[in-house]
Amino acid sequence: MATIHTTLTIRDLGPADAGTVERIAALDSRHAPEAPLLGAEVEGRLLAAVSIRTGEAVADPFSRTAELTDLLQLRAAQMRGRRPRATGRTTTHGASAPVGIGQLAGLHPRAS
């Protein structure tokens, strides 16, 4: 049985990503979440975004994104627990890792 590997990147989203997040939000029939945002890219394509502050998410409804959204919400919750609330800002480093189909549940957040 062959294993298919896909590159998944979780990263901070910035002003350059605003148009893509707005497009995803429109597809999802929602408003774009409040910044700061984390995003999930698969093979370089942004498919989901979540607000670090509120946990609100948007995702491409034409792609399999449930696991991506869960992963983003988990990471955002972890960041809220460690981030000083007074600043409203955070710094993270995106990471890429090849994963096989169905292996998202096995990913573990990198230690900061």
N, C-alpha and C. Protein backbone atom coordinates (compact mmCIF):
# COMPACT_ATOMS: atom_id res chain seq x y z
N MET A 1 0.84 -1.17 0.00
CA MET A 1 0.00 0.00 0.00
C MET A 1 0.89 1.24 0.00
N ALA A 2 0.63 2.15 -0.90
CA ALA A 2 1.42 3.38 -1.01
C ALA A 2 0.94 4.41 -0.01
N THR A 3 1.89 5.18 0.50
CA THR A 3 1.56 6.28 1.40
C THR A 3 1.66 7.57 0.63
N ILE A 4 0.63 8.40 0.76
CA ILE A 4 0.63 9.70 0.12
C ILE A 4 1.02 10.74 1.17
N HIS A 5 2.02 11.54 0.88
CA HIS A 5 2.45 12.58 1.81
C HIS A 5 2.00 13.94 1.30
N THR A 6 1.52 14.74 2.23
CA THR A 6 1.05 16.07 1.94
C THR A 6 1.77 17.03 2.88
N THR A 7 2.17 18.19 2.37
CA THR A 7 2.82 19.18 3.21
C THR A 7 1.76 20.06 3.87
N LEU A 8 1.78 20.08 5.19
CA LEU A 8 0.88 20.90 6.00
C LEU A 8 1.72 21.97 6.69
N THR A 9 1.28 23.22 6.57
CA THR A 9 1.97 24.32 7.24
C THR A 9 0.96 25.06 8.10
N ILE A 10 1.30 25.25 9.36
CA ILE A 10 0.52 26.08 10.28
C ILE A 10 1.36 27.32 10.49
N ARG A 11 0.78 28.51 10.21
CA ARG A 11 1.57 29.73 10.33
C ARG A 11 0.69 30.91 10.70
N ASP A 12 1.37 31.96 11.20
CA ASP A 12 0.70 33.23 11.45
C ASP A 12 0.28 33.82 10.11
N LEU A 13 -0.89 34.42 10.08
CA LEU A 13 -1.34 35.11 8.89
C LEU A 13 -1.22 36.60 9.11
N GLY A 14 -0.91 37.32 8.05
CA GLY A 14 -0.73 38.76 8.15
C GLY A 14 -1.54 39.49 7.10
N PRO A 15 -1.27 40.79 6.94
CA PRO A 15 -2.02 41.61 5.97
C PRO A 15 -1.98 41.05 4.55
N ALA A 16 -0.90 40.42 4.15
CA ALA A 16 -0.80 39.87 2.79
C ALA A 16 -1.78 38.71 2.57
N ASP A 17 -2.27 38.12 3.65
CA ASP A 17 -3.20 36.99 3.56
C ASP A 17 -4.66 37.42 3.64
N ALA A 18 -4.92 38.71 3.87
CA ALA A 18 -6.28 39.20 4.12
C ALA A 18 -7.24 38.85 2.98
N GLY A 19 -6.82 39.02 1.74
CA GLY A 19 -7.69 38.72 0.60
C GLY A 19 -8.08 37.26 0.55
N THR A 20 -7.12 36.38 0.81
CA THR A 20 -7.40 34.94 0.78
C THR A 20 -8.34 34.56 1.93
N VAL A 21 -8.11 35.14 3.11
CA VAL A 21 -8.99 34.86 4.25
C VAL A 21 -10.41 35.35 3.95
N GLU A 22 -10.53 36.53 3.36
CA GLU A 22 -11.85 37.05 2.99
C GLU A 22 -12.54 36.14 1.99
N ARG A 23 -11.79 35.61 1.02
CA ARG A 23 -12.35 34.70 0.01
C ARG A 23 -12.85 33.41 0.68
N ILE A 24 -12.04 32.86 1.59
CA ILE A 24 -12.44 31.64 2.30
C ILE A 24 -13.68 31.93 3.15
N ALA A 25 -13.70 33.07 3.83
CA ALA A 25 -14.85 33.43 4.66
C ALA A 25 -16.12 33.55 3.82
N ALA A 26 -16.00 34.14 2.63
CA ALA A 26 -17.16 34.27 1.74
C ALA A 26 -17.65 32.88 1.30
N LEU A 27 -16.74 31.99 0.96
CA LEU A 27 -17.12 30.62 0.59
C LEU A 27 -17.82 29.91 1.74
N ASP A 28 -17.38 30.22 2.97
CA ASP A 28 -17.89 29.60 4.19
C ASP A 28 -19.15 30.32 4.70
N SER A 29 -19.59 31.36 3.97
CA SER A 29 -20.76 32.16 4.36
C SER A 29 -20.61 32.77 5.74
N ARG A 30 -19.41 33.26 6.03
CA ARG A 30 -19.11 33.86 7.33
C ARG A 30 -18.30 35.13 7.11
N HIS A 31 -18.08 35.85 8.19
CA HIS A 31 -17.17 37.00 8.17
C HIS A 31 -15.79 36.49 8.51
N ALA A 32 -14.77 37.20 8.04
CA ALA A 32 -13.39 36.83 8.39
C ALA A 32 -13.21 36.96 9.90
N PRO A 33 -12.50 36.02 10.51
CA PRO A 33 -12.26 36.10 11.96
C PRO A 33 -11.38 37.29 12.31
N GLU A 34 -11.46 37.67 13.58
CA GLU A 34 -10.68 38.78 14.13
C GLU A 34 -9.20 38.41 14.21
N ALA A 35 -8.34 39.35 13.81
CA ALA A 35 -6.88 39.15 13.90
C ALA A 35 -6.46 39.21 15.38
N PRO A 36 -5.34 38.60 15.71
CA PRO A 36 -4.37 37.87 14.90
C PRO A 36 -4.90 36.49 14.52
N LEU A 37 -4.42 36.00 13.36
CA LEU A 37 -4.91 34.75 12.80
C LEU A 37 -3.80 33.72 12.63
N LEU A 38 -4.19 32.46 12.77
CA LEU A 38 -3.35 31.33 12.38
C LEU A 38 -4.01 30.71 11.15
N GLY A 39 -3.19 30.20 10.25
CA GLY A 39 -3.74 29.57 9.06
C GLY A 39 -3.16 28.20 8.83
N ALA A 40 -3.91 27.37 8.14
CA ALA A 40 -3.44 26.05 7.75
C ALA A 40 -3.36 26.01 6.23
N GLU A 41 -2.17 25.71 5.74
CA GLU A 41 -1.94 25.55 4.30
C GLU A 41 -1.65 24.09 4.01
N VAL A 42 -2.23 23.60 2.94
CA VAL A 42 -1.94 22.26 2.46
C VAL A 42 -1.37 22.43 1.06
N GLU A 43 -0.14 21.93 0.90
CA GLU A 43 0.57 22.08 -0.37
C GLU A 43 0.61 23.54 -0.82
N GLY A 44 0.79 24.45 0.15
CA GLY A 44 0.92 25.87 -0.15
C GLY A 44 -0.38 26.61 -0.36
N ARG A 45 -1.50 25.94 -0.22
CA ARG A 45 -2.82 26.56 -0.42
C ARG A 45 -3.51 26.76 0.92
N LEU A 46 -3.82 28.02 1.26
CA LEU A 46 -4.50 28.33 2.52
C LEU A 46 -5.92 27.80 2.46
N LEU A 47 -6.26 26.92 3.42
CA LEU A 47 -7.58 26.29 3.44
C LEU A 47 -8.41 26.64 4.66
N ALA A 48 -7.76 27.10 5.73
CA ALA A 48 -8.50 27.41 6.95
C ALA A 48 -7.75 28.47 7.75
N ALA A 49 -8.52 29.26 8.49
CA ALA A 49 -7.94 30.30 9.35
C ALA A 49 -8.73 30.35 10.65
N VAL A 50 -8.04 30.67 11.73
CA VAL A 50 -8.69 30.78 13.04
C VAL A 50 -8.13 31.99 13.77
N SER A 51 -8.99 32.67 14.49
CA SER A 51 -8.58 33.80 15.32
C SER A 51 -7.90 33.27 16.57
N ILE A 52 -6.70 33.72 16.83
CA ILE A 52 -6.01 33.33 18.06
C ILE A 52 -6.76 33.88 19.25
N ARG A 53 -7.31 35.06 19.12
CA ARG A 53 -8.00 35.72 20.23
C ARG A 53 -9.32 35.06 20.57
N THR A 54 -10.15 34.74 19.56
CA THR A 54 -11.51 34.26 19.83
C THR A 54 -11.74 32.78 19.55
N GLY A 55 -10.88 32.17 18.72
CA GLY A 55 -11.08 30.79 18.32
C GLY A 55 -12.03 30.62 17.16
N GLU A 56 -12.62 31.73 16.68
CA GLU A 56 -13.54 31.67 15.53
C GLU A 56 -12.75 31.23 14.30
N ALA A 57 -13.38 30.38 13.49
CA ALA A 57 -12.68 29.82 12.33
C ALA A 57 -13.50 29.96 11.06
N VAL A 58 -12.78 29.98 9.94
CA VAL A 58 -13.37 29.86 8.61
C VAL A 58 -12.55 28.83 7.87
N ALA A 59 -13.23 28.11 6.95
CA ALA A 59 -12.53 27.07 6.20
C ALA A 59 -13.18 26.91 4.84
N ASP A 60 -12.38 26.46 3.90
CA ASP A 60 -12.86 26.21 2.54
C ASP A 60 -13.86 25.05 2.58
N PRO A 61 -15.14 25.31 2.29
CA PRO A 61 -16.13 24.24 2.38
C PRO A 61 -16.02 23.21 1.25
N PHE A 62 -15.17 23.48 0.27
CA PHE A 62 -15.01 22.55 -0.86
C PHE A 62 -13.78 21.66 -0.69
N SER A 63 -13.16 21.72 0.48
CA SER A 63 -12.00 20.88 0.80
C SER A 63 -12.25 20.20 2.14
N ARG A 64 -11.53 19.11 2.39
CA ARG A 64 -11.64 18.43 3.68
C ARG A 64 -10.85 19.24 4.70
N THR A 65 -11.55 19.97 5.55
CA THR A 65 -10.88 20.91 6.46
C THR A 65 -11.24 20.71 7.93
N ALA A 66 -12.08 19.76 8.26
CA ALA A 66 -12.50 19.59 9.66
C ALA A 66 -11.30 19.36 10.57
N GLU A 67 -10.38 18.48 10.16
CA GLU A 67 -9.20 18.20 10.98
C GLU A 67 -8.28 19.41 11.05
N LEU A 68 -8.17 20.15 9.94
CA LEU A 68 -7.33 21.35 9.94
C LEU A 68 -7.88 22.38 10.91
N THR A 69 -9.19 22.59 10.88
CA THR A 69 -9.81 23.56 11.77
C THR A 69 -9.63 23.13 13.22
N ASP A 70 -9.81 21.85 13.51
CA ASP A 70 -9.60 21.35 14.88
C ASP A 70 -8.17 21.61 15.34
N LEU A 71 -7.22 21.33 14.46
CA LEU A 71 -5.81 21.53 14.78
C LEU A 71 -5.51 23.01 15.04
N LEU A 72 -6.03 23.89 14.19
CA LEU A 72 -5.83 25.33 14.38
C LEU A 72 -6.46 25.81 15.68
N GLN A 73 -7.66 25.35 15.99
CA GLN A 73 -8.31 25.79 17.22
C GLN A 73 -7.56 25.28 18.45
N LEU A 74 -7.03 24.08 18.38
CA LEU A 74 -6.22 23.56 19.48
C LEU A 74 -4.98 24.42 19.69
N ARG A 75 -4.27 24.73 18.60
CA ARG A 75 -3.05 25.54 18.70
C ARG A 75 -3.37 26.95 19.20
N ALA A 76 -4.47 27.54 18.71
CA ALA A 76 -4.86 28.88 19.16
C ALA A 76 -5.18 28.87 20.65
N ALA A 77 -5.86 27.84 21.13
CA ALA A 77 -6.17 27.73 22.56
C ALA A 77 -4.89 27.61 23.38
N GLN A 78 -3.92 26.84 22.89
CA GLN A 78 -2.63 26.73 23.58
C GLN A 78 -1.95 28.09 23.64
N MET A 79 -1.99 28.82 22.55
CA MET A 79 -1.34 30.13 22.49
C MET A 79 -2.03 31.13 23.42
N ARG A 80 -3.35 31.07 23.50
CA ARG A 80 -4.08 31.96 24.41
C ARG A 80 -3.67 31.69 25.85
N GLY A 81 -3.41 30.43 26.18
CA GLY A 81 -3.02 30.07 27.53
C GLY A 81 -1.64 30.58 27.91
N ARG A 82 -0.77 30.81 26.92
CA ARG A 82 0.61 31.23 27.19
C ARG A 82 0.85 32.70 26.89
N ARG A 83 -0.05 33.32 26.16
CA ARG A 83 0.17 34.69 25.70
C ARG A 83 -0.33 35.69 26.74
N PRO A 84 0.45 36.73 27.03
CA PRO A 84 -0.06 37.78 27.92
C PRO A 84 -1.26 38.44 27.26
N ARG A 85 -2.39 38.47 27.94
CA ARG A 85 -3.61 39.01 27.36
C ARG A 85 -3.56 40.52 27.19
N ALA A 86 -2.76 41.22 27.96
CA ALA A 86 -2.73 42.68 27.88
C ALA A 86 -2.21 43.18 26.54
N THR A 87 -1.30 42.45 25.89
CA THR A 87 -0.70 42.93 24.65
C THR A 87 -1.58 42.68 23.45
N GLY A 88 -2.34 41.57 23.46
CA GLY A 88 -3.16 41.25 22.31
C GLY A 88 -2.34 40.83 21.10
N ARG A 89 -1.04 40.56 21.28
CA ARG A 89 -0.17 40.15 20.18
C ARG A 89 0.52 38.85 20.54
N THR A 90 0.97 38.15 19.51
CA THR A 90 1.67 36.90 19.73
C THR A 90 2.73 36.73 18.66
N THR A 91 3.71 35.92 18.95
CA THR A 91 4.72 35.57 17.96
C THR A 91 4.85 34.07 17.94
N THR A 92 4.74 33.49 16.74
CA THR A 92 4.94 32.05 16.58
C THR A 92 5.77 31.83 15.34
N HIS A 93 6.21 30.64 15.19
CA HIS A 93 6.99 30.27 14.02
C HIS A 93 6.26 29.15 13.32
N GLY A 94 5.93 29.35 12.04
CA GLY A 94 5.26 28.31 11.27
C GLY A 94 6.19 27.13 11.07
N ALA A 95 5.60 25.98 10.88
CA ALA A 95 6.39 24.78 10.66
C ALA A 95 5.73 23.94 9.59
N SER A 96 6.52 23.29 8.78
CA SER A 96 6.00 22.39 7.76
C SER A 96 6.38 20.97 8.14
N ALA A 97 5.46 20.07 7.87
CA ALA A 97 5.75 18.67 8.13
C ALA A 97 4.98 17.83 7.13
N PRO A 98 5.63 16.84 6.49
CA PRO A 98 4.88 15.96 5.61
C PRO A 98 4.00 15.03 6.43
N VAL A 99 2.76 14.90 6.05
CA VAL A 99 1.86 14.00 6.76
C VAL A 99 1.09 13.18 5.75
N GLY A 100 0.76 11.96 6.13
CA GLY A 100 -0.05 11.11 5.28
C GLY A 100 -1.52 11.37 5.53
N ILE A 101 -2.35 10.96 4.61
CA ILE A 101 -3.79 11.12 4.76
C ILE A 101 -4.22 10.40 6.04
N GLY A 102 -5.02 11.07 6.83
CA GLY A 102 -5.51 10.47 8.08
C GLY A 102 -4.54 10.57 9.24
N GLN A 103 -3.40 11.25 9.07
CA GLN A 103 -2.42 11.33 10.14
C GLN A 103 -2.47 12.64 10.91
N LEU A 104 -3.41 13.54 10.60
CA LEU A 104 -3.45 14.82 11.30
C LEU A 104 -3.64 14.64 12.80
N ALA A 105 -4.40 13.65 13.21
CA ALA A 105 -4.63 13.44 14.63
C ALA A 105 -3.34 13.08 15.36
N GLY A 106 -2.34 12.59 14.65
CA GLY A 106 -1.09 12.20 15.27
C GLY A 106 -0.08 13.33 15.39
N LEU A 107 -0.41 14.54 14.90
CA LEU A 107 0.54 15.65 14.99
C LEU A 107 0.58 16.19 16.40
N HIS A 108 1.75 16.58 16.82
CA HIS A 108 1.92 17.16 18.15
C HIS A 108 2.50 18.55 17.98
N PRO A 109 1.99 19.58 18.72
CA PRO A 109 2.55 20.91 18.61
C PRO A 109 4.01 20.91 19.02
N ARG A 110 4.80 21.72 18.32
CA ARG A 110 6.21 21.85 18.68
C ARG A 110 6.34 22.65 19.95
N ALA A 111 7.27 22.26 20.80
CA ALA A 111 7.53 23.02 22.01
C ALA A 111 8.16 24.34 21.64
N SER A 112 7.75 25.40 22.34
CA SER A 112 8.29 26.73 22.05
C SER A 112 9.59 26.93 22.77
